[in-house]
């Protein structure tokens, strides 16, 4: 009877050891997967969120530049626009470095092209705002014929 009891305790001890070993190995695998998930996805989302915030701040700075009637504040707004633009491209470049799939890389490259295409748009807005504050004549708009057609009575 004592040997059966000892064999039963030994079997339970071996089973507990196997379950403990498998659990420890599973925790290690989970830790590695979480580290990979964090490095490839969570950091990318954080960088993308930062780029989004900088884009919103850039948009707000351009909007404030247009609404501010003070010519002295123009330089401050222009500096803020340059600062937000630099931070935007830095954050987006950090996001692009963490991309893994080819589809995501292609999509990010397209977004980067569109962000670069946006640059002349808000630079033109800043130039127009500068010209209106300094009293110099504004450059001709590319859509001036369209506006003339709309403003003429029918």
C-alpha atoms as a PDB file:
ATOM      1  CA  UNK A   1       0.000   0.000   0.000  1.00  0.00           C
ATOM      2  CA  UNK A   2       2.851   2.385   0.830  1.00  0.00           C
ATOM      3  CA  UNK A   3       4.449   1.775  -2.559  1.00  0.00           C
ATOM      4  CA  UNK A   4       1.191   2.549  -4.345  1.00  0.00           C
ATOM      5  CA  UNK A   5       0.906   5.769  -2.379  1.00  0.00           C
ATOM      6  CA  UNK A   6       4.503   6.707  -3.174  1.00  0.00           C
ATOM      7  CA  UNK A   7       3.992   5.899  -6.863  1.00  0.00           C
ATOM      8  CA  UNK A   8       0.835   8.036  -6.892  1.00  0.00           C
ATOM      9  CA  UNK A   9       2.664  11.008  -5.342  1.00  0.00           C
ATOM     10  CA  UNK A  10       5.552  10.512  -7.768  1.00  0.00           C
ATOM     11  CA  UNK A  11       3.152  10.472 -10.725  1.00  0.00           C
ATOM     12  CA  UNK A  12       1.424  13.654  -9.528  1.00  0.00           C
ATOM     13  CA  UNK A  13       4.828  15.301  -9.011  1.00  0.00           C
ATOM     14  CA  UNK A  14       5.966  14.346 -12.537  1.00  0.00           C
ATOM     15  CA  UNK A  15       2.696  15.586 -14.039  1.00  0.00           C
ATOM     16  CA  UNK A  16       2.952  18.879 -12.101  1.00  0.00           C
ATOM     17  CA  UNK A  17       6.542  19.251 -13.321  1.00  0.00           C
ATOM     18  CA  UNK A  18       5.517  18.662 -16.969  1.00  0.00           C
ATOM     19  CA  UNK A  19       2.609  21.119 -16.668  1.00  0.00           C
ATOM     20  CA  UNK A  20       4.903  23.687 -15.026  1.00  0.00           C
ATOM     21  CA  UNK A  21       7.552  23.267 -17.717  1.00  0.00           C
ATOM     22  CA  UNK A  22       4.972  23.640 -20.520  1.00  0.00           C
ATOM     23  CA  UNK A  23       3.505  26.693 -18.815  1.00  0.00           C
ATOM     24  CA  UNK A  24       6.924  28.319 -18.472  1.00  0.00           C
ATOM     25  CA  UNK A  25       7.714  27.570 -22.120  1.00  0.00           C
ATOM     26  CA  UNK A  26       4.350  29.028 -23.160  1.00  0.00           C
ATOM     27  CA  UNK A  27       5.024  32.194 -21.173  1.00  0.00           C
ATOM     28  CA  UNK A  28       8.357  32.555 -22.979  1.00  0.00           C
ATOM     29  CA  UNK A  29       6.691  32.157 -26.377  1.00  0.00           C
ATOM     30  CA  UNK A  30       4.010  34.707 -25.419  1.00  0.00           C
ATOM     31  CA  UNK A  31       6.696  37.138 -24.275  1.00  0.00           C
ATOM     32  CA  UNK A  32       8.545  36.828 -27.592  1.00  0.00           C
ATOM     33  CA  UNK A  33       5.328  37.327 -29.557  1.00  0.00           C
ATOM     34  CA  UNK A  34       4.357  40.358 -27.485  1.00  0.00           C
ATOM     35  CA  UNK A  35       7.798  41.856 -28.039  1.00  0.00           C
ATOM     36  CA  UNK A  36       7.417  41.311 -31.794  1.00  0.00           C
ATOM     37  CA  UNK A  37       3.895  42.744 -31.736  1.00  0.00           C
ATOM     38  CA  UNK A  38       5.096  45.821 -29.880  1.00  0.00           C
ATOM     39  CA  UNK A  39       8.079  46.391 -32.160  1.00  0.00           C
ATOM     40  CA  UNK A  40       6.222  45.887 -35.432  1.00  0.00           C
ATOM     41  CA  UNK A  41       2.751  47.209 -34.745  1.00  0.00           C
ATOM     42  CA  UNK A  42       2.362  49.218 -31.541  1.00  0.00           C
ATOM     43  CA  UNK A  43       5.344  51.478 -32.182  1.00  0.00           C
ATOM     44  CA  UNK A  44       4.155  51.998 -35.753  1.00  0.00           C
ATOM     45  CA  UNK A  45       0.710  53.010 -34.550  1.00  0.00           C
ATOM     46  CA  UNK A  46       2.279  55.417 -32.042  1.00  0.00           C
ATOM     47  CA  UNK A  47       4.421  57.015 -34.770  1.00  0.00           C
ATOM     48  CA  UNK A  48       1.441  57.214 -37.107  1.00  0.00           C
ATOM     49  CA  UNK A  49      -0.652  58.839 -34.386  1.00  0.00           C
ATOM     50  CA  UNK A  50       2.131  61.362 -33.786  1.00  0.00           C
ATOM     51  CA  UNK A  51       2.256  62.130 -37.521  1.00  0.00           C
ATOM     52  CA  UNK A  52      -1.521  62.629 -37.514  1.00  0.00           C
ATOM     53  CA  UNK A  53      -1.266  65.027 -34.577  1.00  0.00           C
ATOM     54  CA  UNK A  54       1.479  66.994 -36.314  1.00  0.00           C
ATOM     55  CA  UNK A  55      -0.624  67.191 -39.489  1.00  0.00           C
ATOM     56  CA  UNK A  56      -3.543  68.567 -37.470  1.00  0.00           C
ATOM     57  CA  UNK A  57      -1.253  71.085 -35.755  1.00  0.00           C
ATOM     58  CA  UNK A  58       0.134  72.113 -39.147  1.00  0.00           C
ATOM     59  CA  UNK A  59      -3.376  72.608 -40.487  1.00  0.00           C
ATOM     60  CA  UNK A  60      -4.341  74.617 -37.427  1.00  0.00           C
ATOM     61  CA  UNK A  61      -1.217  76.781 -37.756  1.00  0.00           C
ATOM     62  CA  UNK A  62      -2.035  77.569 -41.397  1.00  0.00           C
ATOM     63  CA  UNK A  63      -5.623  78.361 -40.393  1.00  0.00           C
ATOM     64  CA  UNK A  64      -4.448  80.627 -37.563  1.00  0.00           C
ATOM     65  CA  UNK A  65      -2.042  82.351 -39.935  1.00  0.00           C
ATOM     66  CA  UNK A  66      -4.940  83.184 -42.234  1.00  0.00           C
ATOM     67  CA  UNK A  67      -7.161  84.467 -39.445  1.00  0.00           C
ATOM     68  CA  UNK A  68      -4.558  86.483 -37.560  1.00  0.00           C
ATOM     69  CA  UNK A  69      -4.666  90.102 -38.669  1.00  0.00           C
ATOM     70  CA  UNK A  70      -1.393  91.013 -36.952  1.00  0.00           C
ATOM     71  CA  UNK A  71       1.498  91.193 -39.398  1.00  0.00           C
ATOM     72  CA  UNK A  72       4.006  90.827 -36.549  1.00  0.00           C
ATOM     73  CA  UNK A  73       2.626  87.411 -35.603  1.00  0.00           C
ATOM     74  CA  UNK A  74       3.168  86.182 -39.155  1.00  0.00           C
ATOM     75  CA  UNK A  75       6.790  85.169 -38.488  1.00  0.00           C
ATOM     76  CA  UNK A  76       5.726  83.232 -35.391  1.00  0.00           C
ATOM     77  CA  UNK A  77       3.104  81.319 -37.370  1.00  0.00           C
ATOM     78  CA  UNK A  78       5.546  80.587 -40.191  1.00  0.00           C
ATOM     79  CA  UNK A  79       8.059  79.191 -37.676  1.00  0.00           C
ATOM     80  CA  UNK A  80       5.328  77.033 -36.131  1.00  0.00           C
ATOM     81  CA  UNK A  81       4.357  75.736 -39.578  1.00  0.00           C
ATOM     82  CA  UNK A  82       7.974  74.765 -40.303  1.00  0.00           C
ATOM     83  CA  UNK A  83       8.295  73.106 -36.893  1.00  0.00           C
ATOM     84  CA  UNK A  84       5.103  71.065 -37.339  1.00  0.00           C
ATOM     85  CA  UNK A  85       6.092  70.111 -40.873  1.00  0.00           C
ATOM     86  CA  UNK A  86       9.487  68.827 -39.720  1.00  0.00           C
ATOM     87  CA  UNK A  87       7.886  66.872 -36.869  1.00  0.00           C
ATOM     88  CA  UNK A  88       5.289  65.430 -39.272  1.00  0.00           C
ATOM     89  CA  UNK A  89       7.870  64.085 -41.698  1.00  0.00           C
ATOM     90  CA  UNK A  90      10.068  62.786 -38.860  1.00  0.00           C
ATOM     91  CA  UNK A  91       7.187  60.864 -37.281  1.00  0.00           C
ATOM     92  CA  UNK A  92       6.018  59.499 -40.625  1.00  0.00           C
ATOM     93  CA  UNK A  93       9.549  58.373 -41.520  1.00  0.00           C
ATOM     94  CA  UNK A  94       9.756  56.566 -38.161  1.00  0.00           C
ATOM     95  CA  UNK A  95       6.453  54.872 -38.987  1.00  0.00           C
ATOM     96  CA  UNK A  96       7.728  53.787 -42.401  1.00  0.00           C
ATOM     97  CA  UNK A  97      10.856  52.221 -40.891  1.00  0.00           C
ATOM     98  CA  UNK A  98       8.786  49.807 -38.823  1.00  0.00           C
ATOM     99  CA  UNK A  99       6.633  48.518 -41.670  1.00  0.00           C
ATOM    100  CA  UNK A 100       6.912  44.843 -42.528  1.00  0.00           C
ATOM    101  CA  UNK A 101       4.536  43.956 -45.366  1.00  0.00           C
ATOM    102  CA  UNK A 102       4.976  45.130 -48.932  1.00  0.00           C
ATOM    103  CA  UNK A 103       1.373  46.313 -49.096  1.00  0.00           C
ATOM    104  CA  UNK A 104       1.862  48.572 -46.075  1.00  0.00           C
ATOM    105  CA  UNK A 105       5.122  49.911 -47.513  1.00  0.00           C
ATOM    106  CA  UNK A 106       3.430  50.742 -50.824  1.00  0.00           C
ATOM    107  CA  UNK A 107       0.522  52.451 -49.055  1.00  0.00           C
ATOM    108  CA  UNK A 108       2.909  54.445 -46.871  1.00  0.00           C
ATOM    109  CA  UNK A 109       4.913  55.511 -49.929  1.00  0.00           C
ATOM    110  CA  UNK A 110       1.718  56.776 -51.551  1.00  0.00           C
ATOM    111  CA  UNK A 111       0.812  58.709 -48.406  1.00  0.00           C
ATOM    112  CA  UNK A 112       4.320  60.193 -48.308  1.00  0.00           C
ATOM    113  CA  UNK A 113       3.893  61.364 -51.916  1.00  0.00           C
ATOM    114  CA  UNK A 114       0.582  62.974 -51.048  1.00  0.00           C
ATOM    115  CA  UNK A 115       2.115  64.709 -48.038  1.00  0.00           C
ATOM    116  CA  UNK A 116       4.886  66.034 -50.267  1.00  0.00           C
ATOM    117  CA  UNK A 117       2.248  67.241 -52.754  1.00  0.00           C
ATOM    118  CA  UNK A 118       0.519  69.083 -49.907  1.00  0.00           C
ATOM    119  CA  UNK A 119       3.626  71.152 -49.180  1.00  0.00           C
ATOM    120  CA  UNK A 120       3.298  73.564 -52.148  1.00  0.00           C
ATOM    121  CA  UNK A 121      -0.365  74.074 -51.286  1.00  0.00           C
ATOM    122  CA  UNK A 122       0.174  75.428 -47.809  1.00  0.00           C
ATOM    123  CA  UNK A 123       3.355  77.246 -48.855  1.00  0.00           C
ATOM    124  CA  UNK A 124       1.234  79.064 -51.433  1.00  0.00           C
ATOM    125  CA  UNK A 125      -1.304  79.909 -48.728  1.00  0.00           C
ATOM    126  CA  UNK A 126       1.477  81.286 -46.548  1.00  0.00           C
ATOM    127  CA  UNK A 127       2.779  83.382 -49.457  1.00  0.00           C
ATOM    128  CA  UNK A 128      -0.696  84.758 -50.125  1.00  0.00           C
ATOM    129  CA  UNK A 129      -1.145  85.605 -46.461  1.00  0.00           C
ATOM    130  CA  UNK A 130       2.269  87.274 -46.356  1.00  0.00           C
ATOM    131  CA  UNK A 131       1.487  89.293 -49.450  1.00  0.00           C
ATOM    132  CA  UNK A 132      -1.847  90.466 -48.065  1.00  0.00           C
ATOM    133  CA  UNK A 133      -0.247  91.539 -44.751  1.00  0.00           C
ATOM    134  CA  UNK A 134       2.663  93.374 -46.325  1.00  0.00           C
ATOM    135  CA  UNK A 135       0.557  95.331 -48.802  1.00  0.00           C
ATOM    136  CA  UNK A 136       2.266  93.854 -51.859  1.00  0.00           C
ATOM    137  CA  UNK A 137       0.035  92.716 -54.689  1.00  0.00           C
ATOM    138  CA  UNK A 138      -1.051  89.115 -54.477  1.00  0.00           C
ATOM    139  CA  UNK A 139       0.174  86.630 -57.058  1.00  0.00           C
ATOM    140  CA  UNK A 140      -2.379  85.672 -59.682  1.00  0.00           C
ATOM    141  CA  UNK A 141      -4.450  82.644 -58.801  1.00  0.00           C
ATOM    142  CA  UNK A 142      -4.415  79.648 -61.115  1.00  0.00           C
ATOM    143  CA  UNK A 143      -8.213  79.632 -60.995  1.00  0.00           C
ATOM    144  CA  UNK A 144      -8.698  83.328 -61.749  1.00  0.00           C
ATOM    145  CA  UNK A 145     -10.663  82.681 -64.965  1.00  0.00           C
ATOM    146  CA  UNK A 146     -13.065  80.425 -63.144  1.00  0.00           C
ATOM    147  CA  UNK A 147     -13.741  83.072 -60.509  1.00  0.00           C
ATOM    148  CA  UNK A 148     -14.208  85.760 -63.147  1.00  0.00           C
ATOM    149  CA  UNK A 149     -16.793  83.617 -64.921  1.00  0.00           C
ATOM    150  CA  UNK A 150     -18.717  83.098 -61.711  1.00  0.00           C
ATOM    151  CA  UNK A 151     -18.642  86.748 -60.729  1.00  0.00           C
ATOM    152  CA  UNK A 152     -19.993  88.079 -64.032  1.00  0.00           C
ATOM    153  CA  UNK A 153     -23.768  88.528 -64.109  1.00  0.00           C
ATOM    154  CA  UNK A 154     -25.665  86.192 -66.378  1.00  0.00           C
END
